[in-house]
Amino acid sequence: MAKQRIVAYAADTMDSLATLERTCERDEARLTSKLVSLQLASIDTVDGKKVTAATYERTDEMRVGHLIFEEFTTENDVDVRTAIHKTKTEPFVCKGQAFIKTDSKNVIVFREKQQ
């Protein structure tokens, strides 16, 4: 099994989906890893701080490509977005949830086609 790392991003530090996307791309490079999941979590503190837990899996690839984060509302929305990205040869990365400005959002992630 590949080595995994989990990074927690505080809900109040992510002001947009684009900020979370850039943060995950930075951490993929820093950790030499690929994003494999996003989920809601809370840190065991007095106030139960809300976080987005991003799981990364170690990779030997030097360039993994840019991420594409999109918000979805229904499973049909997921299917449509997946079909669109498949035609562009942009592979599915994960589907999960993330905190943006302390609100939970349903997120689907793809990876841009590498040139």
Protein backbone atom coordinates (compact mmCIF):
# COMPACT_ATOMS: atom_id res chain seq x y z
CA MET A 1 0.00 0.00 0.00
CA ALA A 2 1.26 3.46 -0.91
CA LYS A 3 2.12 5.84 1.89
CA GLN A 4 -0.69 8.28 2.68
CA ARG A 5 -0.72 11.63 4.44
CA ILE A 6 -3.68 13.59 5.72
CA VAL A 7 -3.58 17.37 5.82
CA ALA A 8 -6.25 19.38 7.66
CA TYR A 9 -7.29 22.77 6.26
CA ALA A 10 -9.16 25.02 8.68
CA ALA A 11 -12.63 25.93 7.40
CA ASP A 12 -12.18 29.63 8.04
CA THR A 13 -8.97 29.82 5.98
CA MET A 14 -10.57 28.66 2.72
CA ASP A 15 -12.40 31.63 1.23
CA SER A 16 -13.21 29.94 -2.09
CA LEU A 17 -13.04 26.67 -3.96
CA ALA A 18 -10.20 28.17 -6.02
CA THR A 19 -8.17 28.78 -2.85
CA LEU A 20 -8.63 25.16 -1.78
CA GLU A 21 -7.65 23.99 -5.28
CA ARG A 22 -4.40 26.01 -5.24
CA THR A 23 -3.65 24.85 -1.69
CA CYS A 24 -4.06 21.19 -2.66
CA GLU A 25 -1.86 21.67 -5.74
CA ARG A 26 0.82 23.26 -3.56
CA ASP A 27 0.65 20.36 -1.12
CA GLU A 28 0.79 17.78 -3.89
CA ALA A 29 4.11 19.31 -4.95
CA ARG A 30 5.38 19.75 -1.40
CA LEU A 31 4.49 16.20 -0.35
CA THR A 32 5.37 14.54 -3.70
CA SER A 33 1.88 13.07 -3.56
CA LYS A 34 -1.46 12.98 -5.35
CA LEU A 35 -4.76 14.03 -3.83
CA VAL A 36 -7.02 10.98 -3.33
CA SER A 37 -9.87 12.23 -1.10
CA LEU A 38 -11.55 15.19 0.58
CA GLN A 39 -13.85 14.98 3.59
CA LEU A 40 -15.29 17.05 6.39
CA ALA A 41 -13.77 16.63 9.83
CA SER A 42 -13.30 18.39 13.13
CA ILE A 43 -10.25 18.66 15.31
CA ASP A 44 -10.64 17.54 18.90
CA THR A 45 -10.42 20.94 20.59
CA VAL A 46 -12.66 22.83 22.98
CA ASP A 47 -14.46 24.51 20.09
CA GLY A 48 -14.34 21.46 17.76
CA LYS A 49 -12.64 23.37 14.94
CA LYS A 50 -14.05 22.43 11.52
CA VAL A 51 -11.55 21.30 8.88
CA THR A 52 -11.37 19.79 5.43
CA ALA A 53 -9.26 16.63 5.61
CA ALA A 54 -7.34 16.04 2.37
CA THR A 55 -5.72 12.64 1.93
CA TYR A 56 -2.66 12.43 -0.30
CA GLU A 57 -0.93 9.31 -1.60
CA ARG A 58 2.80 9.25 -2.31
CA THR A 59 3.80 9.16 -6.00
CA ASP A 60 7.04 8.87 -7.96
CA GLU A 61 5.69 11.11 -10.72
CA MET A 62 7.48 14.44 -10.96
CA ARG A 63 4.58 16.27 -12.63
CA VAL A 64 1.06 15.23 -11.72
CA GLY A 65 -0.80 18.09 -13.45
CA HIS A 66 -3.21 20.75 -12.27
CA LEU A 67 -6.37 19.99 -10.35
CA ILE A 68 -9.88 21.09 -11.33
CA PHE A 69 -12.30 21.58 -8.40
CA GLU A 70 -16.02 21.92 -9.10
CA GLU A 71 -19.01 22.13 -6.81
CA PHE A 72 -21.90 19.73 -7.46
CA THR A 73 -25.44 19.46 -6.15
CA THR A 74 -26.84 16.07 -7.24
CA GLU A 75 -25.56 12.69 -8.38
CA ASN A 76 -26.88 13.52 -11.86
CA ASP A 77 -24.69 16.64 -11.75
CA VAL A 78 -21.71 14.39 -10.90
CA ASP A 79 -22.49 12.12 -13.86
CA VAL A 80 -22.74 15.06 -16.28
CA ARG A 81 -19.51 16.66 -15.04
CA THR A 82 -17.69 13.32 -15.20
CA ALA A 83 -18.84 12.76 -18.80
CA ILE A 84 -17.73 16.25 -19.85
CA HIS A 85 -14.27 15.83 -18.34
CA LYS A 86 -13.92 12.33 -19.77
CA THR A 87 -14.35 13.74 -23.30
CA LYS A 88 -11.50 16.17 -22.51
CA THR A 89 -9.30 13.31 -21.22
CA GLU A 90 -9.30 14.89 -17.74
CA PRO A 91 -9.38 11.99 -15.27
CA PHE A 92 -11.56 11.82 -12.18
CA VAL A 93 -9.58 12.27 -8.93
CA CYS A 94 -12.16 12.15 -6.14
CA LYS A 95 -15.59 13.21 -4.94
CA GLY A 96 -16.11 14.50 -1.41
CA GLN A 97 -16.92 17.46 0.75
CA ALA A 98 -15.00 20.53 1.83
CA PHE A 99 -15.51 23.55 4.06
CA ILE A 100 -15.51 26.88 2.24
CA LYS A 101 -15.99 29.90 4.53
CA THR A 102 -17.21 27.43 7.19
CA ASP A 103 -20.02 26.15 4.87
CA SER A 104 -19.84 22.55 3.65
CA LYS A 105 -19.75 22.08 -0.13
CA ASN A 106 -19.98 18.97 -2.29
CA VAL A 107 -16.84 18.86 -4.43
CA ILE A 108 -15.74 16.78 -7.39
CA VAL A 109 -12.11 16.90 -8.51
CA PHE A 110 -10.54 16.16 -11.88
CA ARG A 111 -6.99 16.50 -13.16
CA GLU A 112 -6.17 18.60 -16.21
CA LYS A 113 -4.98 16.76 -19.28
CA GLN A 114 -1.19 16.76 -19.36
CA GLN A 115 0.44 18.17 -22.50
